[in-house]
Amino acid sequence: MVTTRKESKDFWKMVEKLEEANIETWKFRNEKLHTQNEKQAEEIRELREDNKKLAEEVGDLREELKKLRLVLEMSP
């Protein structure tokens, strides 16, 4: 296959444009993934805080149950 100099230049220009488009695509994807990652990290922090609060509530309820059992056992 014989190509002219112009065809060769046009081909390499096209390849360069494709590479640039590819880079832009990856930049866009990276930005979106980074944003999503930040959202998920914030959600995880919130869930951990909620989990700690719930664990404290459960602990408090268990203590109350123990006290009630003691009162019930002591009453005739």
Protein backbone atom coordinates (compact mmCIF):
# COMPACT_ATOMS: atom_id res chain seq x y z
CA MET A 1 0.00 0.00 0.00
CA VAL A 2 1.52 3.29 -1.07
CA THR A 3 0.60 6.45 0.80
CA THR A 4 1.43 9.98 0.03
CA ARG A 5 3.14 12.34 2.40
CA LYS A 6 -0.15 14.22 2.86
CA GLU A 7 -2.03 11.03 3.70
CA SER A 8 0.66 10.13 6.19
CA LYS A 9 0.46 13.56 7.85
CA ASP A 10 -3.33 13.36 7.94
CA PHE A 11 -3.14 9.91 9.49
CA TRP A 12 -0.81 11.07 12.27
CA LYS A 13 -2.97 14.14 12.91
CA MET A 14 -5.94 11.85 13.30
CA VAL A 15 -3.99 9.61 15.71
CA GLU A 16 -2.98 12.67 17.74
CA LYS A 17 -6.60 13.86 17.94
CA LEU A 18 -7.69 10.41 19.08
CA GLU A 19 -5.01 10.38 21.77
CA GLU A 20 -6.10 13.83 22.96
CA ALA A 21 -9.72 12.72 23.04
CA ASN A 22 -8.70 9.64 24.96
CA ILE A 23 -6.82 11.76 27.49
CA GLU A 24 -9.83 14.05 27.92
CA THR A 25 -12.05 11.03 28.44
CA TRP A 26 -9.76 9.68 31.14
CA LYS A 27 -9.57 13.08 32.83
CA PHE A 28 -13.37 13.28 32.86
CA ARG A 29 -13.71 9.76 34.24
CA ASN A 30 -11.07 10.44 36.86
CA GLU A 31 -12.89 13.58 37.99
CA LYS A 32 -16.22 11.74 38.25
CA LEU A 33 -14.67 8.83 40.12
CA HIS A 34 -12.89 11.20 42.49
CA THR A 35 -16.18 12.98 43.23
CA GLN A 36 -17.95 9.67 43.80
CA ASN A 37 -15.13 8.52 46.06
CA GLU A 38 -15.44 11.67 48.18
CA LYS A 39 -19.20 11.14 48.51
CA GLN A 40 -18.70 7.54 49.58
CA ALA A 41 -15.99 8.50 52.07
CA GLU A 42 -18.34 11.07 53.65
CA GLU A 43 -21.14 8.52 53.77
CA ILE A 44 -18.83 6.03 55.49
CA ARG A 45 -17.87 8.64 58.09
CA GLU A 46 -21.54 9.35 58.77
CA LEU A 47 -22.36 5.64 59.03
CA ARG A 48 -19.51 5.13 61.50
CA GLU A 49 -20.78 7.99 63.66
CA ASP A 50 -24.31 6.55 63.56
CA ASN A 51 -22.95 3.12 64.39
CA LYS A 52 -21.14 4.49 67.47
CA LYS A 53 -24.31 6.24 68.66
CA LEU A 54 -26.38 3.09 68.16
CA ALA A 55 -23.79 0.98 69.96
CA GLU A 56 -23.95 3.38 72.92
CA GLU A 57 -27.75 3.25 72.91
CA VAL A 58 -27.70 -0.56 72.87
CA GLY A 59 -25.20 -0.56 75.72
CA ASP A 60 -27.39 1.80 77.74
CA LEU A 61 -30.47 -0.35 77.09
CA ARG A 62 -28.62 -3.47 78.20
CA GLU A 63 -27.63 -1.76 81.44
CA GLU A 64 -31.25 -0.73 82.02
CA LEU A 65 -32.38 -4.31 81.43
CA LYS A 66 -29.84 -5.60 83.94
CA LYS A 67 -31.10 -3.12 86.52
CA LEU A 68 -34.71 -4.10 85.87
CA ARG A 69 -33.87 -7.78 86.24
CA LEU A 70 -32.17 -7.08 89.55
CA VAL A 71 -35.21 -5.14 90.78
CA LEU A 72 -37.55 -7.92 89.67
CA GLU A 73 -35.40 -10.58 91.32
CA MET A 74 -35.31 -8.63 94.57
CA SER A 75 -39.04 -8.01 94.71
CA PRO A 76 -41.19 -10.76 96.26
